């Protein structure tokens, strides 16, 4: 078997193992931190999507009363206090900025008007979520539902539920006409090109779903840390999500390089070494055979 086929087999086996691991982990992912009763009970806002394609319920217990948690929800939004999650992802996806610059707020900002029913929450990339309900301390319903339940000992149970027809398609429908060129192009593709919505279902299952989990667990743990006065910039999210996200990007990068090698052209010889063309701006990948028969990897700018 050639080296290229071995690499393809290795990449395919690793990808298959990750897919199986993800499918086994997904039911736990969709109810991270929540009890079986919390995951199945009806919550405010459920009636907006009677037959959801995706539903997740995640929860966290906060060592602070609801009065200390509620203000953090009231100032959420891009251009406002942020969503207290992994800001680097939001900056990468739509150049997000917040009231404190490049990171979500670390304190309550009285100058930010609290959310009220009928307001719109900036989600980034020209998309906005309308606030359906904003009942102080019990719940907030916008793109997602946030429920605060007081517990004994001045504690709060914060429950977050997403219920909708996927992720990308609802976000595309929420993009305004005055958004940037790329968001408008996404909206046009979803609304007018046949088959795009069907393709996005597979994208949501494999990419958007774990990414949403990664972001939402980051938000819940960060709100908990802020309300308890224990916030630090160190990440405090589900480690399994971070592993799957990072390994997925690694496999995509590895597969992209293999695909380039297969489609960019045939291998060639350079100074006696067998080379595969590298991507633009990257060195060619070459192997030179020593007299003993051992292969050493070398790089040329040829």
Protein backbone atom coordinates (compact mmCIF):
# COMPACT_ATOMS: atom_id res chain seq x y z
CA UNK A 1 0.00 0.00 0.00
CA UNK A 2 1.36 3.43 -0.98
CA UNK A 3 2.03 6.18 1.54
CA UNK A 4 -0.83 8.25 0.12
CA UNK A 5 -3.33 5.41 0.56
CA UNK A 6 -2.14 4.83 4.10
CA UNK A 7 -2.69 8.50 4.89
CA UNK A 8 -6.18 8.38 3.35
CA UNK A 9 -7.01 5.27 5.38
CA UNK A 10 -5.71 6.86 8.57
CA UNK A 11 -7.71 10.05 7.99
CA UNK A 12 -10.85 8.08 7.11
CA UNK A 13 -10.56 5.87 10.19
CA UNK A 14 -10.00 8.86 12.48
CA UNK A 15 -12.97 10.68 10.96
CA UNK A 16 -15.22 7.61 11.33
CA UNK A 17 -14.19 7.18 14.96
CA UNK A 18 -14.95 10.83 15.68
CA UNK A 19 -18.37 10.62 14.01
CA UNK A 20 -19.31 7.56 16.08
CA UNK A 21 -18.06 9.20 19.28
CA UNK A 22 -20.05 12.35 18.49
CA UNK A 23 -23.29 10.47 17.80
CA UNK A 24 -22.91 8.57 21.08
CA UNK A 25 -22.17 11.77 22.98
CA UNK A 26 -24.85 13.94 21.31
CA UNK A 27 -27.81 13.00 23.61
CA UNK A 28 -25.72 13.99 26.62
CA UNK A 29 -24.61 17.15 24.83
CA UNK A 30 -28.20 18.25 24.22
CA UNK A 31 -29.02 18.14 27.96
CA UNK A 32 -25.71 19.25 29.46
CA UNK A 33 -26.18 19.98 33.17
CA UNK A 34 -29.96 19.52 33.03
CA UNK A 35 -32.01 16.86 34.76
CA UNK A 36 -34.35 14.57 32.85
CA UNK A 37 -37.30 16.54 34.20
CA UNK A 38 -35.84 19.89 33.10
CA UNK A 39 -35.05 18.54 29.65
CA UNK A 40 -38.62 17.29 29.07
CA UNK A 41 -40.78 19.88 30.83
CA UNK A 42 -42.43 22.70 28.84
CA UNK A 43 -40.81 26.12 29.16
CA UNK A 44 -41.89 29.62 28.09
CA UNK A 45 -41.40 30.13 24.37
CA UNK A 46 -41.88 26.48 23.41
CA UNK A 47 -45.11 27.36 21.62
CA UNK A 48 -43.17 29.45 19.07
CA UNK A 49 -41.83 26.23 17.48
CA UNK A 50 -44.40 23.45 17.95
CA UNK A 51 -42.38 20.93 15.92
CA UNK A 52 -38.67 21.72 16.38
CA UNK A 53 -35.91 20.09 14.40
CA UNK A 54 -33.44 20.73 17.22
CA UNK A 55 -34.06 21.09 20.94
CA UNK A 56 -31.42 21.40 23.62
CA UNK A 57 -31.80 22.13 27.33
CA UNK A 58 -28.74 23.02 29.40
CA UNK A 59 -28.59 24.22 32.97
CA UNK A 60 -26.24 25.36 35.70
CA UNK A 61 -26.64 26.08 39.42
CA UNK A 62 -25.39 29.52 40.48
CA UNK A 63 -24.41 30.38 44.03
CA UNK A 64 -26.21 33.72 43.88
CA UNK A 65 -29.87 34.87 44.04
CA UNK A 66 -31.82 35.54 40.81
CA UNK A 67 -31.54 39.30 41.43
CA UNK A 68 -27.78 39.03 40.84
CA UNK A 69 -28.10 36.85 37.75
CA UNK A 70 -30.87 38.71 35.91
CA UNK A 71 -28.87 41.91 35.11
CA UNK A 72 -26.29 39.85 33.19
CA UNK A 73 -29.04 38.58 30.88
CA UNK A 74 -30.50 42.04 30.41
CA UNK A 75 -27.38 43.48 28.79
CA UNK A 76 -26.58 40.63 26.38
CA UNK A 77 -25.95 41.23 22.68
CA UNK A 78 -23.19 41.99 20.19
CA UNK A 79 -22.22 45.63 20.54
CA UNK A 80 -23.61 45.51 24.06
CA UNK A 81 -22.18 43.31 26.84
CA UNK A 82 -21.73 40.28 24.57
CA UNK A 83 -22.79 36.74 25.40
CA UNK A 84 -20.01 36.00 27.94
CA UNK A 85 -18.83 33.01 25.95
CA UNK A 86 -15.81 32.29 23.74
CA UNK A 87 -15.40 35.76 22.27
CA UNK A 88 -12.66 34.66 19.87
CA UNK A 89 -15.23 32.61 17.94
CA UNK A 90 -17.58 35.59 17.59
CA UNK A 91 -14.73 37.87 16.56
CA UNK A 92 -13.61 35.31 13.99
CA UNK A 93 -17.09 34.75 12.56
CA UNK A 94 -18.40 38.33 12.39
CA UNK A 95 -15.81 40.71 13.86
CA UNK A 96 -17.77 41.14 17.05
CA UNK A 97 -17.12 44.10 19.33
CA UNK A 98 -18.53 44.73 22.80
CA UNK A 99 -18.98 47.53 25.29
CA UNK A 100 -15.58 46.65 26.76
CA UNK A 101 -13.87 46.26 23.39
CA UNK A 102 -12.79 42.80 22.24
CA UNK A 103 -14.25 40.78 25.11
CA UNK A 104 -17.63 40.39 26.79
CA UNK A 105 -18.44 42.58 29.77
CA UNK A 106 -16.93 41.67 33.10
CA UNK A 107 -19.28 43.90 35.09
CA UNK A 108 -22.79 45.32 34.95
CA UNK A 109 -22.99 48.43 32.75
CA UNK A 110 -25.83 50.73 33.87
CA UNK A 111 -25.55 52.69 30.61
CA UNK A 112 -26.77 49.68 28.59
CA UNK A 113 -30.60 49.73 28.44
CA UNK A 114 -32.14 46.49 29.73
CA UNK A 115 -33.95 44.28 27.24
CA UNK A 116 -37.72 44.57 27.05
CA UNK A 117 -40.41 42.74 25.10
CA UNK A 118 -40.28 43.91 21.48
CA UNK A 119 -36.59 44.84 21.57
CA UNK A 120 -34.11 43.18 19.23
CA UNK A 121 -30.89 41.52 20.38
CA UNK A 122 -27.94 41.93 17.98
CA UNK A 123 -26.63 38.41 17.28
CA UNK A 124 -23.86 39.40 14.83
CA UNK A 125 -23.51 39.38 11.03
CA UNK A 126 -26.63 41.51 10.63
CA UNK A 127 -28.93 39.03 12.41
CA UNK A 128 -31.25 40.14 15.21
CA UNK A 129 -33.43 38.17 17.61
CA UNK A 130 -36.69 39.69 18.83
CA UNK A 131 -37.40 39.59 22.56
CA UNK A 132 -40.80 37.89 22.94
CA UNK A 133 -40.98 37.94 26.74
CA UNK A 134 -38.91 39.59 29.44
CA UNK A 135 -40.40 38.90 32.85
CA UNK A 136 -37.97 40.12 35.54
CA UNK A 137 -36.35 37.19 37.34
CA UNK A 138 -38.58 34.35 36.01
CA UNK A 139 -37.58 34.20 32.33
CA UNK A 140 -36.31 35.84 29.15
CA UNK A 141 -37.44 34.62 25.71
CA UNK A 142 -35.54 35.77 22.62
CA UNK A 143 -33.65 33.49 20.24
CA UNK A 144 -33.44 31.12 23.19
CA UNK A 145 -35.30 30.82 26.47
CA UNK A 146 -33.57 31.57 29.77
CA UNK A 147 -35.37 30.55 32.95
CA UNK A 148 -34.25 31.53 36.45
CA UNK A 149 -35.50 29.47 39.37
CA UNK A 150 -34.68 30.39 42.98
CA UNK A 151 -33.21 27.63 45.12
CA UNK A 152 -32.66 27.30 48.83
CA UNK A 153 -29.57 28.97 50.21
CA UNK A 154 -29.77 32.05 47.95
CA UNK A 155 -28.96 30.01 44.84
CA UNK A 156 -30.36 30.10 41.30
CA UNK A 157 -30.99 27.44 38.70
CA UNK A 158 -30.34 28.95 35.25
CA UNK A 159 -31.89 26.91 32.41
CA UNK A 160 -31.21 27.68 28.74
CA UNK A 161 -33.28 26.08 26.00
CA UNK A 162 -32.85 26.31 22.25
CA UNK A 163 -35.77 25.09 20.19
CA UNK A 164 -35.91 25.69 16.46
CA UNK A 165 -35.58 24.51 12.87
CA UNK A 166 -31.81 24.14 12.95
CA UNK A 167 -29.27 26.93 13.36
CA UNK A 168 -28.05 28.41 10.09
CA UNK A 169 -31.44 28.62 8.38
CA UNK A 170 -33.19 30.53 11.25
CA UNK A 171 -30.16 32.80 11.51
CA UNK A 172 -30.36 33.53 7.77
CA UNK A 173 -34.04 34.44 8.09
CA UNK A 174 -33.13 36.86 10.90
CA UNK A 175 -30.61 38.77 8.76
CA UNK A 176 -31.78 42.30 7.97
CA UNK A 177 -31.72 43.81 4.46
CA UNK A 178 -29.13 46.41 5.55
CA UNK A 179 -26.61 43.75 6.66
CA UNK A 180 -23.27 43.19 4.97
CA UNK A 181 -22.84 41.61 1.54
CA UNK A 182 -21.90 38.12 2.77
CA UNK A 183 -24.83 37.80 5.24
CA UNK A 184 -27.24 38.99 2.54
CA UNK A 185 -25.79 36.39 0.16
CA UNK A 186 -26.38 33.68 2.77
CA UNK A 187 -29.96 34.85 3.25
CA UNK A 188 -30.57 34.83 -0.51
CA UNK A 189 -29.14 31.32 -0.84
CA UNK A 190 -31.29 29.92 1.96
CA UNK A 191 -34.49 31.60 0.75
CA UNK A 192 -34.19 31.18 -3.02
CA UNK A 193 -31.80 28.37 -3.99
CA UNK A 194 -33.41 24.88 -3.92
CA UNK A 195 -31.59 22.28 -1.88
CA UNK A 196 -29.59 24.70 0.27
CA UNK A 197 -31.87 24.27 3.27
CA UNK A 198 -31.56 20.49 2.99
CA UNK A 199 -27.76 20.70 2.84
CA UNK A 200 -27.76 22.97 5.88
CA UNK A 201 -29.47 20.24 7.91
CA UNK A 202 -26.38 18.07 7.58
CA UNK A 203 -24.18 21.06 8.35
CA UNK A 204 -26.21 21.81 11.48
CA UNK A 205 -25.90 18.23 12.72
CA UNK A 206 -22.15 17.95 12.18
CA UNK A 207 -20.91 21.51 12.77
CA UNK A 208 -23.50 23.94 14.15
CA UNK A 209 -24.79 21.61 16.87
CA UNK A 210 -21.44 20.98 18.63
CA UNK A 211 -20.40 24.60 18.04
CA UNK A 212 -23.62 25.81 19.67
CA UNK A 213 -22.94 23.50 22.62
CA UNK A 214 -19.41 24.85 22.91
CA UNK A 215 -20.67 28.44 22.93
CA UNK A 216 -23.67 27.92 25.20
CA UNK A 217 -21.80 25.97 27.88
CA UNK A 218 -19.19 28.71 27.80
CA UNK A 219 -21.94 31.30 28.31
CA UNK A 220 -23.59 29.45 31.21
CA UNK A 221 -20.36 28.85 33.08
CA UNK A 222 -19.23 32.44 32.47
CA UNK A 223 -22.53 33.90 33.77
CA UNK A 224 -22.19 31.66 36.82
CA UNK A 225 -18.64 32.89 37.45
CA UNK A 226 -19.61 36.55 36.97
CA UNK A 227 -22.68 36.37 39.20
CA UNK A 228 -20.65 34.63 41.91
CA UNK A 229 -17.80 37.14 41.57
CA UNK A 230 -15.32 34.43 40.56
CA UNK A 231 -14.79 35.32 36.91
CA UNK A 232 -11.43 34.83 35.23
CA UNK A 233 -10.43 34.70 31.57
CA UNK A 234 -9.65 30.98 31.87
CA UNK A 235 -12.10 28.80 29.97
CA UNK A 236 -14.56 26.83 32.10
CA UNK A 237 -16.59 24.89 29.58
CA UNK A 238 -17.25 21.27 28.82
CA UNK A 239 -13.83 19.76 27.93
CA UNK A 240 -15.41 17.14 25.65
CA UNK A 241 -16.82 19.90 23.45
CA UNK A 242 -13.45 21.60 23.13
CA UNK A 243 -11.77 18.30 22.21
CA UNK A 244 -14.33 17.51 19.50
CA UNK A 245 -14.27 21.05 18.07
CA UNK A 246 -10.46 21.14 17.91
CA UNK A 247 -10.09 17.62 16.57
CA UNK A 248 -12.71 18.36 13.92
CA UNK A 249 -10.78 21.40 12.72
CA UNK A 250 -7.58 19.34 12.72
CA UNK A 251 -9.17 16.65 10.57
CA UNK A 252 -10.59 19.26 8.21
CA UNK A 253 -7.14 20.82 7.83
CA UNK A 254 -5.52 17.41 7.34
CA UNK A 255 -8.14 16.36 4.80
CA UNK A 256 -7.77 19.65 2.98
CA UNK A 257 -4.04 19.14 2.56
CA UNK A 258 -4.58 15.56 1.33
CA UNK A 259 -7.25 16.75 -1.11
CA UNK A 260 -4.93 19.44 -2.42
CA UNK A 261 -2.18 16.90 -2.91
CA UNK A 262 -4.55 14.64 -4.84
CA UNK A 263 -6.01 17.36 -7.08
CA UNK A 264 -3.22 19.92 -7.50
CA UNK A 265 -1.24 17.70 -9.84
CA UNK A 266 0.94 14.63 -10.07
CA UNK A 267 3.97 14.22 -7.84
CA UNK A 268 7.33 15.28 -9.23
CA UNK A 269 11.03 14.84 -8.57
CA UNK A 270 13.14 17.62 -7.06
CA UNK A 271 16.84 17.00 -6.37
CA UNK A 272 16.11 13.28 -6.27
CA UNK A 273 13.25 13.63 -3.77
CA UNK A 274 9.65 12.63 -4.45
CA UNK A 275 7.49 15.72 -3.91
CA UNK A 276 3.79 16.56 -3.67
CA UNK A 277 2.78 20.14 -4.57
CA UNK A 278 1.91 22.24 -1.52
CA UNK A 279 -0.96 24.74 -1.26
CA UNK A 280 -0.30 28.31 -2.44
CA UNK A 281 2.26 29.97 -0.20
CA UNK A 282 3.18 26.67 1.50
CA UNK A 283 6.29 24.57 0.84
CA UNK A 284 6.12 21.39 -1.21
CA UNK A 285 6.10 18.16 0.80
CA UNK A 286 9.04 16.00 -0.28
CA UNK A 287 10.60 12.71 0.77
CA UNK A 288 14.25 11.87 0.12
CA UNK A 289 15.54 8.28 0.29
CA UNK A 290 18.82 7.72 2.11
CA UNK A 291 21.21 4.91 1.12
CA UNK A 292 20.03 2.79 4.06
CA UNK A 293 16.48 2.93 2.76
CA UNK A 294 15.10 5.14 5.52
CA UNK A 295 12.79 7.92 4.39
CA UNK A 296 13.46 11.41 5.76
CA UNK A 297 10.98 14.25 5.33
CA UNK A 298 12.49 17.40 3.83
CA UNK A 299 10.93 20.62 2.59
CA UNK A 300 11.83 22.60 -0.49
CA UNK A 301 10.54 25.91 -1.78
CA UNK A 302 10.66 24.61 -5.34
